[in-house]
Protein backbone atom coordinates (compact mmCIF):
# COMPACT_ATOMS: atom_id res chain seq x y z
CA UNK A 1 -20.99 -1.99 -8.79
CA UNK A 2 -18.18 -3.72 -9.93
CA UNK A 3 -15.20 -3.72 -7.74
CA UNK A 4 -11.51 -3.91 -8.83
CA UNK A 5 -8.58 -5.03 -7.15
CA UNK A 6 -7.20 -2.23 -5.88
CA UNK A 7 -10.84 -1.97 -4.26
CA UNK A 8 -10.35 -5.30 -2.56
CA UNK A 9 -6.14 -4.98 -2.06
CA UNK A 10 -7.60 -1.39 0.17
CA UNK A 11 -10.91 -3.48 1.54
CA UNK A 12 -8.40 -6.28 2.88
CA UNK A 13 -5.44 -4.31 4.17
CA UNK A 14 -8.45 -2.16 5.93
CA UNK A 15 -9.84 -5.18 7.34
CA UNK A 16 -6.68 -7.03 8.59
CA UNK A 17 -5.88 -3.14 10.08
CA UNK A 18 -8.76 -2.81 12.04
CA UNK A 19 -8.53 -6.38 13.32
CA UNK A 20 -5.16 -5.59 14.72
CA UNK A 21 -6.19 -2.73 15.86
CA UNK A 22 -9.18 -4.62 18.15
CA UNK A 23 -6.53 -6.99 19.36
CA UNK A 24 -4.31 -4.94 20.69
CA UNK A 25 -7.17 -3.16 22.78
CA UNK A 26 -7.87 -6.59 24.15
CA UNK A 27 -4.00 -7.38 25.14
CA UNK A 28 -2.62 -4.24 26.04
CA UNK A 29 0.49 -3.31 26.59
CA UNK A 30 2.82 -4.02 29.86
CA UNK A 31 3.40 -0.47 30.42
CA UNK A 32 2.69 2.94 27.35
CA UNK A 33 5.93 2.43 26.00
CA UNK A 34 5.83 -1.45 25.42
CA UNK A 35 4.03 -1.00 22.42
CA UNK A 36 6.04 -2.11 18.93
CA UNK A 37 4.62 -1.69 15.62
CA UNK A 38 7.00 -3.24 12.59
CA UNK A 39 6.37 -1.08 9.52
CA UNK A 40 7.33 -2.12 5.73
CA UNK A 41 8.10 0.73 3.17
CA UNK A 42 7.83 -1.61 -0.38
CA UNK A 43 8.59 -0.26 -4.00
CA UNK A 44 8.93 -1.69 -7.17
CA UNK A 45 9.39 -0.31 -10.78
CA UNK A 46 5.58 -0.44 -11.85
CA UNK A 47 4.57 -0.87 -15.57
CA UNK A 48 2.75 2.17 -17.48
CA UNK A 49 -1.19 2.34 -17.04
CA UNK A 50 -1.21 -1.61 -15.92
CA UNK A 51 -3.28 -1.17 -13.25
CA UNK A 52 -3.84 -5.21 -12.80
CA UNK A 53 -0.24 -6.01 -12.98
CA UNK A 54 0.59 -3.30 -10.73
CA UNK A 55 -1.77 -3.99 -8.18
CA UNK A 56 -0.48 -7.98 -8.34
CA UNK A 57 2.89 -6.75 -7.83
CA UNK A 58 1.86 -4.77 -5.00
CA UNK A 59 -0.03 -7.38 -3.50
CA UNK A 60 3.00 -9.84 -3.52
CA UNK A 61 4.90 -6.93 -1.67
CA UNK A 62 2.28 -6.28 0.96
CA UNK A 63 2.06 -10.38 1.74
CA UNK A 64 6.11 -10.52 1.68
CA UNK A 65 5.90 -8.03 3.97
CA UNK A 66 3.36 -9.18 6.48
CA UNK A 67 5.07 -12.38 5.83
CA UNK A 68 8.26 -10.31 8.08
CA UNK A 69 5.61 -9.37 10.67
CA UNK A 70 5.13 -6.15 9.18
CA UNK A 71 1.45 -4.93 10.78
CA UNK A 72 1.50 -1.83 8.31
CA UNK A 73 2.90 -2.10 4.92
CA UNK A 74 3.07 1.50 2.37
CA UNK A 75 3.75 1.96 -0.91
CA UNK A 76 4.29 5.00 -3.37
CA UNK A 77 1.11 6.79 -4.16
CA UNK A 78 1.75 6.32 -7.92
CA UNK A 79 2.32 2.84 -8.02
CA UNK A 80 -1.24 1.65 -9.58
CA UNK A 81 -0.82 3.67 -12.99
CA UNK A 82 3.25 3.42 -13.31
CA UNK A 83 3.37 7.47 -12.39
CA UNK A 84 1.86 8.68 -15.34
CA UNK A 85 0.87 11.85 -13.95
CA UNK A 86 4.62 12.86 -13.87
CA UNK A 87 4.45 12.46 -18.06
CA UNK A 88 1.45 14.28 -17.91
CA UNK A 89 2.69 17.28 -15.82
CA UNK A 90 5.90 17.15 -17.71
CA UNK A 91 4.38 17.14 -20.99
CA UNK A 92 2.53 20.59 -19.93
CA UNK A 93 5.33 22.61 -18.96
CA UNK A 94 7.39 21.60 -22.51
CA UNK A 95 4.35 22.93 -24.21
CA UNK A 96 4.36 26.12 -22.59
CA UNK A 97 8.32 26.53 -21.83
């Protein structure tokens, strides 16, 4: 089975999150309210159907978020394919209208 860059990015992030979770269990907070998690939301204008290029840009954005001590980073759901589903829905709507 051939794994693409998106699969590898997911696996790296998942692995990192599970390791972080295990480390937090080893060092629990002093009290229940002492846990702080830095979260980052990343965004950029993707190129339509450029999966590899968009994955590269998303990976760079996630790495920048990690440099800022973010433990969780998220991006929009259509980032990898360039939101082509919006164009498909719009085209179907216009054909029916």
